[in-house]
């Protein structure tokens, strides 16, 4: 083979590898083996102390302390949405931590 044909052959091989790699990256994900949100451990905001609440993304110690203080003053949270009443928790924070928390209310 002469040099121009070898270059063309090498370019075609490289192109085929790129196409194959791209199609491999776009293959569908088998959801049977993907972790589900329901399997994750959730923190009960009616039972957790400030240190446990501080482990949630975007919460920290100060906001965890405010959640505990609000709960002590107003009673248990009836829903996750009630956390919006706590100073420092807005829609974005609630959307971020919502899948990781629960509000179990004990029966009277």
Protein backbone atom coordinates (compact mmCIF):
# COMPACT_ATOMS: atom_id res chain seq x y z
CA UNK A 1 0.00 0.00 0.00
CA UNK A 2 1.17 3.45 -0.72
CA UNK A 3 1.22 6.23 1.85
CA UNK A 4 -2.02 8.07 0.80
CA UNK A 5 -3.99 4.83 0.93
CA UNK A 6 -2.59 4.00 4.38
CA UNK A 7 -3.62 7.43 5.66
CA UNK A 8 -7.10 6.99 4.20
CA UNK A 9 -7.35 3.51 5.72
CA UNK A 10 -6.21 4.83 9.15
CA UNK A 11 -8.72 7.68 8.97
CA UNK A 12 -11.55 5.25 8.15
CA UNK A 13 -10.57 2.98 11.06
CA UNK A 14 -10.51 5.96 13.43
CA UNK A 15 -13.89 7.12 12.15
CA UNK A 16 -15.38 3.67 12.70
CA UNK A 17 -14.00 3.59 16.25
CA UNK A 18 -15.50 7.01 17.04
CA UNK A 19 -18.90 5.97 15.67
CA UNK A 20 -18.82 2.70 17.61
CA UNK A 21 -17.78 4.47 20.82
CA UNK A 22 -20.53 7.08 20.41
CA UNK A 23 -23.23 4.48 19.90
CA UNK A 24 -21.96 2.55 22.92
CA UNK A 25 -22.23 5.67 25.08
CA UNK A 26 -25.82 6.30 23.96
CA UNK A 27 -27.06 2.81 24.71
CA UNK A 28 -30.14 2.64 26.96
CA UNK A 29 -29.62 2.13 30.67
CA UNK A 30 -31.13 -0.98 32.20
CA UNK A 31 -33.36 0.52 34.92
CA UNK A 32 -33.68 -2.80 36.73
CA UNK A 33 -30.23 -2.27 38.22
CA UNK A 34 -30.42 1.48 38.80
CA UNK A 35 -30.86 2.55 42.44
CA UNK A 36 -34.34 3.72 43.27
CA UNK A 37 -35.21 6.66 45.50
CA UNK A 38 -37.60 4.51 47.49
CA UNK A 39 -34.69 2.34 48.60
CA UNK A 40 -32.83 5.32 50.08
CA UNK A 41 -32.90 5.99 53.79
CA UNK A 42 -35.03 8.99 54.72
CA UNK A 43 -34.61 11.28 57.71
CA UNK A 44 -37.75 11.87 59.77
CA UNK A 45 -37.79 15.61 60.46
CA UNK A 46 -40.06 15.04 63.47
CA UNK A 47 -37.53 12.80 65.21
CA UNK A 48 -34.11 13.86 63.93
CA UNK A 49 -31.84 16.07 65.99
CA UNK A 50 -30.00 19.08 64.58
CA UNK A 51 -26.84 17.05 63.87
CA UNK A 52 -28.72 14.54 61.72
CA UNK A 53 -30.60 17.27 59.88
CA UNK A 54 -27.28 19.00 59.20
CA UNK A 55 -26.28 16.01 57.05
CA UNK A 56 -28.87 16.99 54.44
CA UNK A 57 -27.46 18.93 51.47
CA UNK A 58 -27.81 22.67 51.94
CA UNK A 59 -29.00 22.45 55.55
CA UNK A 60 -25.98 22.66 57.85
CA UNK A 61 -25.90 23.03 61.64
CA UNK A 62 -27.63 26.42 61.91
CA UNK A 63 -30.59 25.49 59.73
CA UNK A 64 -30.81 22.09 61.43
CA UNK A 65 -31.00 23.89 64.77
CA UNK A 66 -33.77 26.19 63.45
CA UNK A 67 -35.79 23.17 62.25
CA UNK A 68 -35.57 21.57 65.72
CA UNK A 69 -36.51 24.86 67.42
CA UNK A 70 -39.48 25.36 65.12
CA UNK A 71 -40.64 21.82 65.80
CA UNK A 72 -40.32 22.30 69.56
CA UNK A 73 -42.30 25.54 69.43
CA UNK A 74 -45.03 24.59 66.93
CA UNK A 75 -45.28 20.82 67.29
CA UNK A 76 -44.51 18.10 64.74
CA UNK A 77 -44.49 18.82 61.02
CA UNK A 78 -47.59 17.38 59.35
CA UNK A 79 -46.07 17.38 55.86
CA UNK A 80 -42.75 18.02 54.16
CA UNK A 81 -44.20 21.30 52.85
CA UNK A 82 -44.52 22.60 56.43
CA UNK A 83 -40.74 23.06 56.42
CA UNK A 84 -41.28 26.17 54.31
CA UNK A 85 -42.37 27.87 57.54
CA UNK A 86 -38.84 27.52 58.94
CA UNK A 87 -36.69 30.58 58.32
CA UNK A 88 -34.00 29.72 55.76
CA UNK A 89 -35.91 27.01 53.92
CA UNK A 90 -37.29 28.00 50.54
CA UNK A 91 -38.61 26.19 47.52
CA UNK A 92 -35.14 25.32 46.21
CA UNK A 93 -33.91 23.87 49.50
CA UNK A 94 -37.12 21.93 49.97
CA UNK A 95 -36.89 20.53 46.43
CA UNK A 96 -33.31 19.42 47.11
CA UNK A 97 -33.97 17.69 50.43
CA UNK A 98 -37.57 16.56 49.83
CA UNK A 99 -36.68 13.08 48.50
CA UNK A 100 -34.44 12.50 51.54
CA UNK A 101 -36.90 13.40 54.31
CA UNK A 102 -40.19 12.25 55.70
CA UNK A 103 -42.66 13.57 58.27
CA UNK A 104 -43.99 10.69 60.32
CA UNK A 105 -46.61 12.03 62.68
CA UNK A 106 -47.32 9.83 65.69
CA UNK A 107 -50.98 8.91 66.22
CA UNK A 108 -52.57 10.70 69.20
